[in-house]
């Protein structure tokens, strides 16, 4: 292996701060040594030497400043790329968790992905930007993660739940909070899994929050969640038409839902293109199926 190749391999193997420091010292040493020789060969009188030494000093500042900029910028880009790859891996893991939950309960398959996309659209309609949109998307993917703690006999029960079973089911937001809180990366997304069953009038669970006590992300998600549930077919009922679902959201505005979020949803819905699923939905489904 040639000498310069060995030096390069060693430099790459070193940590970033050490590598930058060594390169800076090497370049600085070469500059001082070679520039002093150049000045000695070029002029002899003291006044000219003083002037050239000043020029040399400024040249050193400019050269090393440019060198540090290039080195730091290159490492910064590498860090950004690594962070992006790490976030992609995290998001892929979250989608895997969400998919596992959908597979456990086939009646709501693909619901998580749809409602996560819808929550993002609604959040944009309300003027939210990054990082809130990312947190809302991740929280939406994990909104039912607490159901991992619900027994299959209750979660997958084909008939209606009795009072005792509902008491167990309503623990799933607390399970989500207990599961996600120790994970620092996921703390900013806890509001949706923990609070999406709270209601504007305070009649929700698990804490009975009311109005703006409920985090905005959870208020946004609640509308998206119910909309998708109503307009999607389930084993026990057909999908509602968008018109019927909108009527329900309006009726529940100020009770279940934040009126401002419902108004934003209506604005978004006016611009939404009609899908084949909308046209095939049931116009007047039984209210007991909702």
C-alpha atoms as a PDB file:
ATOM      1  CA  UNK A   1       0.000   0.000   0.000  1.00  0.00           C
ATOM      2  CA  UNK A   2       1.405   3.417  -0.956  1.00  0.00           C
ATOM      3  CA  UNK A   3       2.210   5.939   1.776  1.00  0.00           C
ATOM      4  CA  UNK A   4      -0.474   8.484   0.861  1.00  0.00           C
ATOM      5  CA  UNK A   5      -3.087   5.694   0.772  1.00  0.00           C
ATOM      6  CA  UNK A   6      -2.065   4.561   4.244  1.00  0.00           C
ATOM      7  CA  UNK A   7      -2.307   8.118   5.544  1.00  0.00           C
ATOM      8  CA  UNK A   8      -5.788   8.470   4.040  1.00  0.00           C
ATOM      9  CA  UNK A   9      -6.971   5.194   5.587  1.00  0.00           C
ATOM     10  CA  UNK A  10      -5.691   6.283   8.999  1.00  0.00           C
ATOM     11  CA  UNK A  11      -7.375   9.693   8.628  1.00  0.00           C
ATOM     12  CA  UNK A  12     -10.732   8.127   7.744  1.00  0.00           C
ATOM     13  CA  UNK A  13     -10.486   5.715  10.673  1.00  0.00           C
ATOM     14  CA  UNK A  14     -10.026   8.562  13.152  1.00  0.00           C
ATOM     15  CA  UNK A  15     -12.971  10.288  14.769  1.00  0.00           C
ATOM     16  CA  UNK A  16     -14.176  13.458  13.093  1.00  0.00           C
ATOM     17  CA  UNK A  17     -12.802  15.986  15.651  1.00  0.00           C
ATOM     18  CA  UNK A  18      -9.395  14.291  15.750  1.00  0.00           C
ATOM     19  CA  UNK A  19      -9.255  14.054  11.960  1.00  0.00           C
ATOM     20  CA  UNK A  20     -10.093  17.736  11.469  1.00  0.00           C
ATOM     21  CA  UNK A  21      -7.561  18.796  14.114  1.00  0.00           C
ATOM     22  CA  UNK A  22      -4.757  16.723  12.549  1.00  0.00           C
ATOM     23  CA  UNK A  23      -5.489  18.018   9.050  1.00  0.00           C
ATOM     24  CA  UNK A  24      -5.540  21.584  10.390  1.00  0.00           C
ATOM     25  CA  UNK A  25      -2.178  21.119  12.138  1.00  0.00           C
ATOM     26  CA  UNK A  26      -0.559  19.496   9.100  1.00  0.00           C
ATOM     27  CA  UNK A  27      -1.749  22.210   6.727  1.00  0.00           C
ATOM     28  CA  UNK A  28      -0.742  24.929   9.206  1.00  0.00           C
ATOM     29  CA  UNK A  29       2.733  23.469   9.668  1.00  0.00           C
ATOM     30  CA  UNK A  30       3.298  23.139   5.918  1.00  0.00           C
ATOM     31  CA  UNK A  31       2.078  26.700   5.331  1.00  0.00           C
ATOM     32  CA  UNK A  32       4.428  28.195   7.938  1.00  0.00           C
ATOM     33  CA  UNK A  33       7.441  26.191   6.792  1.00  0.00           C
ATOM     34  CA  UNK A  34       7.024  26.685   3.046  1.00  0.00           C
ATOM     35  CA  UNK A  35       5.850  30.290   3.181  1.00  0.00           C
ATOM     36  CA  UNK A  36       8.830  31.330   5.331  1.00  0.00           C
ATOM     37  CA  UNK A  37      11.177  29.828   2.756  1.00  0.00           C
ATOM     38  CA  UNK A  38       9.310  31.536  -0.055  1.00  0.00           C
ATOM     39  CA  UNK A  39       9.536  34.935   1.674  1.00  0.00           C
ATOM     40  CA  UNK A  40      13.283  34.471   2.332  1.00  0.00           C
ATOM     41  CA  UNK A  41      13.901  33.662  -1.353  1.00  0.00           C
ATOM     42  CA  UNK A  42      11.706  36.476  -2.650  1.00  0.00           C
ATOM     43  CA  UNK A  43      12.898  39.543  -0.693  1.00  0.00           C
ATOM     44  CA  UNK A  44      15.741  40.619   1.560  1.00  0.00           C
ATOM     45  CA  UNK A  45      14.969  44.094   2.941  1.00  0.00           C
ATOM     46  CA  UNK A  46      13.185  44.215   6.309  1.00  0.00           C
ATOM     47  CA  UNK A  47      10.287  46.445   5.134  1.00  0.00           C
ATOM     48  CA  UNK A  48       9.331  44.060   2.339  1.00  0.00           C
ATOM     49  CA  UNK A  49       9.671  41.063   4.644  1.00  0.00           C
ATOM     50  CA  UNK A  50       7.305  42.703   7.163  1.00  0.00           C
ATOM     51  CA  UNK A  51       4.738  43.411   4.447  1.00  0.00           C
ATOM     52  CA  UNK A  52       4.930  39.879   3.067  1.00  0.00           C
ATOM     53  CA  UNK A  53       4.642  38.392   6.549  1.00  0.00           C
ATOM     54  CA  UNK A  54       1.397  40.349   6.994  1.00  0.00           C
ATOM     55  CA  UNK A  55       0.102  39.082   3.639  1.00  0.00           C
ATOM     56  CA  UNK A  56       1.162  35.578   4.602  1.00  0.00           C
ATOM     57  CA  UNK A  57      -0.699  35.814   7.899  1.00  0.00           C
ATOM     58  CA  UNK A  58      -3.926  36.842   6.193  1.00  0.00           C
ATOM     59  CA  UNK A  59      -3.419  34.126   3.618  1.00  0.00           C
ATOM     60  CA  UNK A  60      -3.057  31.596   6.427  1.00  0.00           C
ATOM     61  CA  UNK A  61      -6.295  32.773   8.036  1.00  0.00           C
ATOM     62  CA  UNK A  62      -8.188  32.549   4.747  1.00  0.00           C
ATOM     63  CA  UNK A  63      -6.736  29.160   3.788  1.00  0.00           C
ATOM     64  CA  UNK A  64      -7.337  27.485   7.140  1.00  0.00           C
ATOM     65  CA  UNK A  65     -10.779  29.063   7.451  1.00  0.00           C
ATOM     66  CA  UNK A  66     -11.746  27.660   4.058  1.00  0.00           C
ATOM     67  CA  UNK A  67     -10.273  24.295   4.992  1.00  0.00           C
ATOM     68  CA  UNK A  68     -12.237  24.145   8.247  1.00  0.00           C
ATOM     69  CA  UNK A  69     -15.435  25.133   6.413  1.00  0.00           C
ATOM     70  CA  UNK A  70     -14.988  22.334   3.865  1.00  0.00           C
ATOM     71  CA  UNK A  71     -14.135  19.708   6.490  1.00  0.00           C
ATOM     72  CA  UNK A  72     -16.905  20.653   8.917  1.00  0.00           C
ATOM     73  CA  UNK A  73     -19.482  20.953   6.135  1.00  0.00           C
ATOM     74  CA  UNK A  74     -18.568  17.527   4.775  1.00  0.00           C
ATOM     75  CA  UNK A  75     -18.899  15.931   8.210  1.00  0.00           C
ATOM     76  CA  UNK A  76     -22.137  17.819   8.844  1.00  0.00           C
ATOM     77  CA  UNK A  77     -23.605  16.422   5.609  1.00  0.00           C
ATOM     78  CA  UNK A  78     -22.538  12.945   6.632  1.00  0.00           C
ATOM     79  CA  UNK A  79     -24.260  13.404   9.994  1.00  0.00           C
ATOM     80  CA  UNK A  80     -27.431  14.637   8.261  1.00  0.00           C
ATOM     81  CA  UNK A  81     -27.410  11.620   5.942  1.00  0.00           C
ATOM     82  CA  UNK A  82     -26.898   9.272   8.871  1.00  0.00           C
ATOM     83  CA  UNK A  83     -29.699  10.946  10.829  1.00  0.00           C
ATOM     84  CA  UNK A  84     -32.017  10.720   7.828  1.00  0.00           C
ATOM     85  CA  UNK A  85     -31.254   7.016   7.422  1.00  0.00           C
ATOM     86  CA  UNK A  86     -31.854   6.469  11.127  1.00  0.00           C
ATOM     87  CA  UNK A  87     -35.205   8.287  11.018  1.00  0.00           C
ATOM     88  CA  UNK A  88     -36.227   6.221   7.993  1.00  0.00           C
ATOM     89  CA  UNK A  89     -35.394   3.068   9.938  1.00  0.00           C
ATOM     90  CA  UNK A  90     -37.429   4.298  12.911  1.00  0.00           C
ATOM     91  CA  UNK A  91     -40.394   5.148  10.687  1.00  0.00           C
ATOM     92  CA  UNK A  92     -40.195   1.743   9.007  1.00  0.00           C
ATOM     93  CA  UNK A  93     -40.290   0.155  12.461  1.00  0.00           C
ATOM     94  CA  UNK A  94     -43.362   2.207  13.428  1.00  0.00           C
ATOM     95  CA  UNK A  95     -45.120   1.186  10.218  1.00  0.00           C
ATOM     96  CA  UNK A  96     -44.272  -2.425  11.019  1.00  0.00           C
ATOM     97  CA  UNK A  97     -45.839  -2.089  14.460  1.00  0.00           C
ATOM     98  CA  UNK A  98     -48.936  -0.503  12.941  1.00  0.00           C
ATOM     99  CA  UNK A  99     -49.166  -3.238  10.334  1.00  0.00           C
ATOM    100  CA  UNK A 100     -48.888  -5.897  13.037  1.00  0.00           C
ATOM    101  CA  UNK A 101     -51.828  -4.318  14.881  1.00  0.00           C
ATOM    102  CA  UNK A 102     -53.886  -4.198  11.680  1.00  0.00           C
ATOM    103  CA  UNK A 103     -53.152  -7.865  11.031  1.00  0.00           C
ATOM    104  CA  UNK A 104     -54.236  -8.748  14.563  1.00  0.00           C
ATOM    105  CA  UNK A 105     -57.618  -7.118  14.002  1.00  0.00           C
ATOM    106  CA  UNK A 106     -58.574  -7.803  10.374  1.00  0.00           C
ATOM    107  CA  UNK A 107     -61.753  -5.736  10.660  1.00  0.00           C
ATOM    108  CA  UNK A 108     -59.660  -2.547  10.687  1.00  0.00           C
ATOM    109  CA  UNK A 109     -56.969  -3.594   8.192  1.00  0.00           C
ATOM    110  CA  UNK A 110     -55.323  -0.604   6.434  1.00  0.00           C
ATOM    111  CA  UNK A 111     -57.217   1.770   8.732  1.00  0.00           C
ATOM    112  CA  UNK A 112     -54.002   2.951  10.376  1.00  0.00           C
ATOM    113  CA  UNK A 113     -52.271   3.962   7.149  1.00  0.00           C
ATOM    114  CA  UNK A 114     -55.370   5.736   5.842  1.00  0.00           C
ATOM    115  CA  UNK A 115     -56.064   7.667   9.010  1.00  0.00           C
ATOM    116  CA  UNK A 116     -52.399   8.688   9.361  1.00  0.00           C
ATOM    117  CA  UNK A 117     -52.464  10.192   5.858  1.00  0.00           C
ATOM    118  CA  UNK A 118     -55.784  11.892   6.551  1.00  0.00           C
ATOM    119  CA  UNK A 119     -54.551  13.377   9.832  1.00  0.00           C
ATOM    120  CA  UNK A 120     -51.604  14.923   7.978  1.00  0.00           C
ATOM    121  CA  UNK A 121     -53.919  16.461   5.366  1.00  0.00           C
ATOM    122  CA  UNK A 122     -56.144  17.906   8.081  1.00  0.00           C
ATOM    123  CA  UNK A 123     -53.162  19.241  10.039  1.00  0.00           C
ATOM    124  CA  UNK A 124     -51.904  20.996   6.895  1.00  0.00           C
ATOM    125  CA  UNK A 125     -55.361  22.480   6.385  1.00  0.00           C
ATOM    126  CA  UNK A 126     -55.068  23.961   9.868  1.00  0.00           C
ATOM    127  CA  UNK A 127     -51.699  25.511   9.043  1.00  0.00           C
ATOM    128  CA  UNK A 128     -49.398  23.167  10.922  1.00  0.00           C
ATOM    129  CA  UNK A 129     -45.889  22.529   9.631  1.00  0.00           C
ATOM    130  CA  UNK A 130     -42.790  20.615  10.646  1.00  0.00           C
ATOM    131  CA  UNK A 131     -41.980  19.098  13.049  1.00  0.00           C
ATOM    132  CA  UNK A 132     -45.658  18.863  14.056  1.00  0.00           C
ATOM    133  CA  UNK A 133     -46.643  17.021  10.865  1.00  0.00           C
ATOM    134  CA  UNK A 134     -44.009  14.362  11.481  1.00  0.00           C
ATOM    135  CA  UNK A 135     -45.112  13.925  15.092  1.00  0.00           C
ATOM    136  CA  UNK A 136     -48.774  13.668  14.050  1.00  0.00           C
ATOM    137  CA  UNK A 137     -47.974  11.067  11.401  1.00  0.00           C
ATOM    138  CA  UNK A 138     -45.985   8.942  13.825  1.00  0.00           C
ATOM    139  CA  UNK A 139     -48.571   9.339  16.562  1.00  0.00           C
ATOM    140  CA  UNK A 140     -51.319   8.326  14.143  1.00  0.00           C
ATOM    141  CA  UNK A 141     -49.408   5.191  13.157  1.00  0.00           C
ATOM    142  CA  UNK A 142     -49.190   4.266  16.847  1.00  0.00           C
ATOM    143  CA  UNK A 143     -52.656   5.431  17.918  1.00  0.00           C
ATOM    144  CA  UNK A 144     -53.809   1.927  18.859  1.00  0.00           C
ATOM    145  CA  UNK A 145     -50.461   0.580  20.059  1.00  0.00           C
ATOM    146  CA  UNK A 146     -51.976   0.220  23.550  1.00  0.00           C
ATOM    147  CA  UNK A 147     -54.294  -2.486  22.224  1.00  0.00           C
ATOM    148  CA  UNK A 148     -51.297  -4.792  22.368  1.00  0.00           C
ATOM    149  CA  UNK A 149     -52.211  -5.056  26.058  1.00  0.00           C
ATOM    150  CA  UNK A 150     -55.847  -5.975  25.415  1.00  0.00           C
ATOM    151  CA  UNK A 151     -56.663  -9.722  25.482  1.00  0.00           C
ATOM    152  CA  UNK A 152     -57.774 -11.259  22.181  1.00  0.00           C
ATOM    153  CA  UNK A 153     -61.003 -12.400  23.781  1.00  0.00           C
ATOM    154  CA  UNK A 154     -61.991  -8.759  24.198  1.00  0.00           C
ATOM    155  CA  UNK A 155     -60.296  -7.119  21.221  1.00  0.00           C
ATOM    156  CA  UNK A 156     -61.546  -9.674  18.703  1.00  0.00           C
ATOM    157  CA  UNK A 157     -64.928 -10.399  20.281  1.00  0.00           C
ATOM    158  CA  UNK A 158     -67.482 -10.592  17.436  1.00  0.00           C
ATOM    159  CA  UNK A 159     -70.362  -9.240  19.502  1.00  0.00           C
ATOM    160  CA  UNK A 160     -70.801  -6.157  21.698  1.00  0.00           C
ATOM    161  CA  UNK A 161     -68.629  -5.770  24.791  1.00  0.00           C
ATOM    162  CA  UNK A 162     -70.176  -5.857  28.250  1.00  0.00           C
ATOM    163  CA  UNK A 163     -69.417  -3.232  30.900  1.00  0.00           C
ATOM    164  CA  UNK A 164     -66.465  -5.123  32.367  1.00  0.00           C
ATOM    165  CA  UNK A 165     -64.957  -5.716  28.938  1.00  0.00           C
ATOM    166  CA  UNK A 166     -65.345  -2.034  28.039  1.00  0.00           C
ATOM    167  CA  UNK A 167     -63.526  -1.129  31.237  1.00  0.00           C
ATOM    168  CA  UNK A 168     -60.597  -3.239  30.048  1.00  0.00           C
ATOM    169  CA  UNK A 169     -60.746  -1.869  26.492  1.00  0.00           C
ATOM    170  CA  UNK A 170     -60.655   1.710  27.742  1.00  0.00           C
ATOM    171  CA  UNK A 171     -57.300   1.047  29.347  1.00  0.00           C
ATOM    172  CA  UNK A 172     -55.519   0.896  25.984  1.00  0.00           C
ATOM    173  CA  UNK A 173     -54.592   4.618  25.931  1.00  0.00           C
ATOM    174  CA  UNK A 174     -52.938   4.186  29.324  1.00  0.00           C
ATOM    175  CA  UNK A 175     -51.106   1.119  28.065  1.00  0.00           C
ATOM    176  CA  UNK A 176     -49.881   3.202  25.110  1.00  0.00           C
ATOM    177  CA  UNK A 177     -48.612   5.903  27.476  1.00  0.00           C
ATOM    178  CA  UNK A 178     -46.784   3.338  29.622  1.00  0.00           C
ATOM    179  CA  UNK A 179     -45.292   1.686  26.539  1.00  0.00           C
ATOM    180  CA  UNK A 180     -44.096   4.819  24.742  1.00  0.00           C
ATOM    181  CA  UNK A 181     -43.001   7.100  27.585  1.00  0.00           C
ATOM    182  CA  UNK A 182     -39.682   5.297  28.258  1.00  0.00           C
ATOM    183  CA  UNK A 183     -38.734   5.677  24.554  1.00  0.00           C
ATOM    184  CA  UNK A 184     -37.274   9.180  24.287  1.00  0.00           C
ATOM    185  CA  UNK A 185     -37.587   9.258  20.493  1.00  0.00           C
ATOM    186  CA  UNK A 186     -41.347   8.643  20.727  1.00  0.00           C
ATOM    187  CA  UNK A 187     -42.234  11.013  23.572  1.00  0.00           C
ATOM    188  CA  UNK A 188     -43.253  13.837  21.180  1.00  0.00           C
ATOM    189  CA  UNK A 189     -45.862  11.547  19.567  1.00  0.00           C
ATOM    190  CA  UNK A 190     -47.562  10.277  22.742  1.00  0.00           C
ATOM    191  CA  UNK A 191     -50.438  12.786  22.647  1.00  0.00           C
ATOM    192  CA  UNK A 192     -52.370  10.912  19.948  1.00  0.00           C
ATOM    193  CA  UNK A 193     -52.096   7.362  21.379  1.00  0.00           C
ATOM    194  CA  UNK A 194     -52.843   8.708  24.872  1.00  0.00           C
ATOM    195  CA  UNK A 195     -55.566  11.284  24.148  1.00  0.00           C
ATOM    196  CA  UNK A 196     -57.398  10.352  20.937  1.00  0.00           C
ATOM    197  CA  UNK A 197     -60.422   9.049  22.856  1.00  0.00           C
ATOM    198  CA  UNK A 198     -60.862  12.257  24.834  1.00  0.00           C
ATOM    199  CA  UNK A 199     -63.899  14.335  23.833  1.00  0.00           C
ATOM    200  CA  UNK A 200     -64.400  18.078  23.552  1.00  0.00           C
ATOM    201  CA  UNK A 201     -67.168  18.063  26.188  1.00  0.00           C
ATOM    202  CA  UNK A 202     -65.078  16.097  28.711  1.00  0.00           C
ATOM    203  CA  UNK A 203     -66.960  12.808  28.377  1.00  0.00           C
ATOM    204  CA  UNK A 204     -64.060  10.880  26.840  1.00  0.00           C
ATOM    205  CA  UNK A 205     -61.376   8.692  28.369  1.00  0.00           C
ATOM    206  CA  UNK A 206     -58.939   7.912  29.939  1.00  0.00           C
ATOM    207  CA  UNK A 207     -58.653  11.267  31.803  1.00  0.00           C
ATOM    208  CA  UNK A 208     -61.850  13.101  30.936  1.00  0.00           C
ATOM    209  CA  UNK A 209     -60.034  16.074  29.396  1.00  0.00           C
ATOM    210  CA  UNK A 210     -62.225  18.767  27.858  1.00  0.00           C
ATOM    211  CA  UNK A 211     -61.790  21.521  25.274  1.00  0.00           C
ATOM    212  CA  UNK A 212     -58.260  22.770  24.745  1.00  0.00           C
ATOM    213  CA  UNK A 213     -56.990  20.588  27.574  1.00  0.00           C
ATOM    214  CA  UNK A 214     -56.895  17.937  24.859  1.00  0.00           C
ATOM    215  CA  UNK A 215     -53.707  18.286  22.774  1.00  0.00           C
ATOM    216  CA  UNK A 216     -54.356  19.723  19.309  1.00  0.00           C
ATOM    217  CA  UNK A 217     -52.825  16.721  17.570  1.00  0.00           C
ATOM    218  CA  UNK A 218     -55.298  14.411  19.356  1.00  0.00           C
ATOM    219  CA  UNK A 219     -58.235  16.693  18.451  1.00  0.00           C
ATOM    220  CA  UNK A 220     -57.181  16.603  14.803  1.00  0.00           C
ATOM    221  CA  UNK A 221     -56.701  12.860  14.857  1.00  0.00           C
ATOM    222  CA  UNK A 222     -60.088  12.216  16.504  1.00  0.00           C
ATOM    223  CA  UNK A 223     -61.901  13.741  13.520  1.00  0.00           C
ATOM    224  CA  UNK A 224     -59.754  11.855  11.001  1.00  0.00           C
ATOM    225  CA  UNK A 225     -60.168   8.600  12.937  1.00  0.00           C
ATOM    226  CA  UNK A 226     -63.956   8.746  13.131  1.00  0.00           C
ATOM    227  CA  UNK A 227     -64.261   9.871   9.504  1.00  0.00           C
ATOM    228  CA  UNK A 228     -62.250   6.892   8.292  1.00  0.00           C
ATOM    229  CA  UNK A 229     -64.160   4.495  10.550  1.00  0.00           C
ATOM    230  CA  UNK A 230     -67.517   5.744   9.254  1.00  0.00           C
ATOM    231  CA  UNK A 231     -66.589   5.802   5.567  1.00  0.00           C
ATOM    232  CA  UNK A 232     -64.928   2.365   5.582  1.00  0.00           C
ATOM    233  CA  UNK A 233     -66.773  -0.937   5.375  1.00  0.00           C
ATOM    234  CA  UNK A 234     -66.699  -3.158   8.431  1.00  0.00           C
ATOM    235  CA  UNK A 235     -67.902  -6.755   8.871  1.00  0.00           C
ATOM    236  CA  UNK A 236     -70.948  -5.518  10.800  1.00  0.00           C
ATOM    237  CA  UNK A 237     -71.958  -2.646   8.452  1.00  0.00           C
ATOM    238  CA  UNK A 238     -71.360  -1.008   5.088  1.00  0.00           C
ATOM    239  CA  UNK A 239     -69.467   2.242   4.634  1.00  0.00           C
ATOM    240  CA  UNK A 240     -71.289   5.517   5.137  1.00  0.00           C
ATOM    241  CA  UNK A 241     -71.424   8.067   2.345  1.00  0.00           C
ATOM    242  CA  UNK A 242     -69.284  11.197   2.825  1.00  0.00           C
ATOM    243  CA  UNK A 243     -72.465  13.273   3.117  1.00  0.00           C
ATOM    244  CA  UNK A 244     -73.771  11.096   5.939  1.00  0.00           C
ATOM    245  CA  UNK A 245     -70.409  11.121   7.701  1.00  0.00           C
ATOM    246  CA  UNK A 246     -70.167  14.918   7.425  1.00  0.00           C
ATOM    247  CA  UNK A 247     -73.614  15.205   9.014  1.00  0.00           C
ATOM    248  CA  UNK A 248     -72.358  13.105  11.914  1.00  0.00           C
ATOM    249  CA  UNK A 249     -69.222  15.236  12.379  1.00  0.00           C
ATOM    250  CA  UNK A 250     -71.358  18.388  12.383  1.00  0.00           C
ATOM    251  CA  UNK A 251     -73.757  16.890  14.912  1.00  0.00           C
ATOM    252  CA  UNK A 252     -70.830  15.981  17.191  1.00  0.00           C
ATOM    253  CA  UNK A 253     -69.042  19.327  16.800  1.00  0.00           C
ATOM    254  CA  UNK A 254     -68.749  20.845  20.260  1.00  0.00           C
ATOM    255  CA  UNK A 255     -69.513  17.512  21.894  1.00  0.00           C
ATOM    256  CA  UNK A 256     -67.087  14.871  20.644  1.00  0.00           C
ATOM    257  CA  UNK A 257     -65.023  17.113  18.358  1.00  0.00           C
ATOM    258  CA  UNK A 258     -63.323  20.502  18.425  1.00  0.00           C
ATOM    259  CA  UNK A 259     -65.552  22.775  16.286  1.00  0.00           C
ATOM    260  CA  UNK A 260     -62.519  24.458  14.723  1.00  0.00           C
ATOM    261  CA  UNK A 261     -61.144  21.091  13.580  1.00  0.00           C
ATOM    262  CA  UNK A 262     -64.522  20.069  12.141  1.00  0.00           C
ATOM    263  CA  UNK A 263     -64.702  23.358  10.202  1.00  0.00           C
ATOM    264  CA  UNK A 264     -61.199  22.770   8.835  1.00  0.00           C
ATOM    265  CA  UNK A 265     -62.159  19.239   7.843  1.00  0.00           C
ATOM    266  CA  UNK A 266     -65.192  20.541   5.935  1.00  0.00           C
ATOM    267  CA  UNK A 267     -62.990  22.995   4.029  1.00  0.00           C
ATOM    268  CA  UNK A 268     -60.609  20.185   3.132  1.00  0.00           C
ATOM    269  CA  UNK A 269     -63.437  17.837   2.196  1.00  0.00           C
ATOM    270  CA  UNK A 270     -64.878  20.309  -0.316  1.00  0.00           C
ATOM    271  CA  UNK A 271     -61.628  20.139  -2.291  1.00  0.00           C
ATOM    272  CA  UNK A 272     -61.175  16.385  -1.897  1.00  0.00           C
ATOM    273  CA  UNK A 273     -61.626  14.398  -5.129  1.00  0.00           C
ATOM    274  CA  UNK A 274     -64.416  11.820  -5.045  1.00  0.00           C
ATOM    275  CA  UNK A 275     -63.153   8.237  -4.843  1.00  0.00           C
ATOM    276  CA  UNK A 276     -64.796   5.036  -6.134  1.00  0.00           C
ATOM    277  CA  UNK A 277     -65.321   4.002  -2.509  1.00  0.00           C
ATOM    278  CA  UNK A 278     -67.399   7.137  -1.927  1.00  0.00           C
ATOM    279  CA  UNK A 279     -69.660   6.388  -4.869  1.00  0.00           C
ATOM    280  CA  UNK A 280     -70.246   2.792  -3.714  1.00  0.00           C
ATOM    281  CA  UNK A 281     -70.981   3.692  -0.087  1.00  0.00           C
ATOM    282  CA  UNK A 282     -74.357   3.169   1.505  1.00  0.00           C
ATOM    283  CA  UNK A 283     -76.462   6.326   1.432  1.00  0.00           C
ATOM    284  CA  UNK A 284     -78.385   5.777   4.657  1.00  0.00           C
ATOM    285  CA  UNK A 285     -76.738   3.106   6.850  1.00  0.00           C
ATOM    286  CA  UNK A 286     -78.105   2.025  10.208  1.00  0.00           C
ATOM    287  CA  UNK A 287     -76.946   4.361  12.981  1.00  0.00           C
ATOM    288  CA  UNK A 288     -76.325   1.397  15.285  1.00  0.00           C
ATOM    289  CA  UNK A 289     -73.360   0.395  13.128  1.00  0.00           C
ATOM    290  CA  UNK A 290     -71.392   3.594  13.867  1.00  0.00           C
END
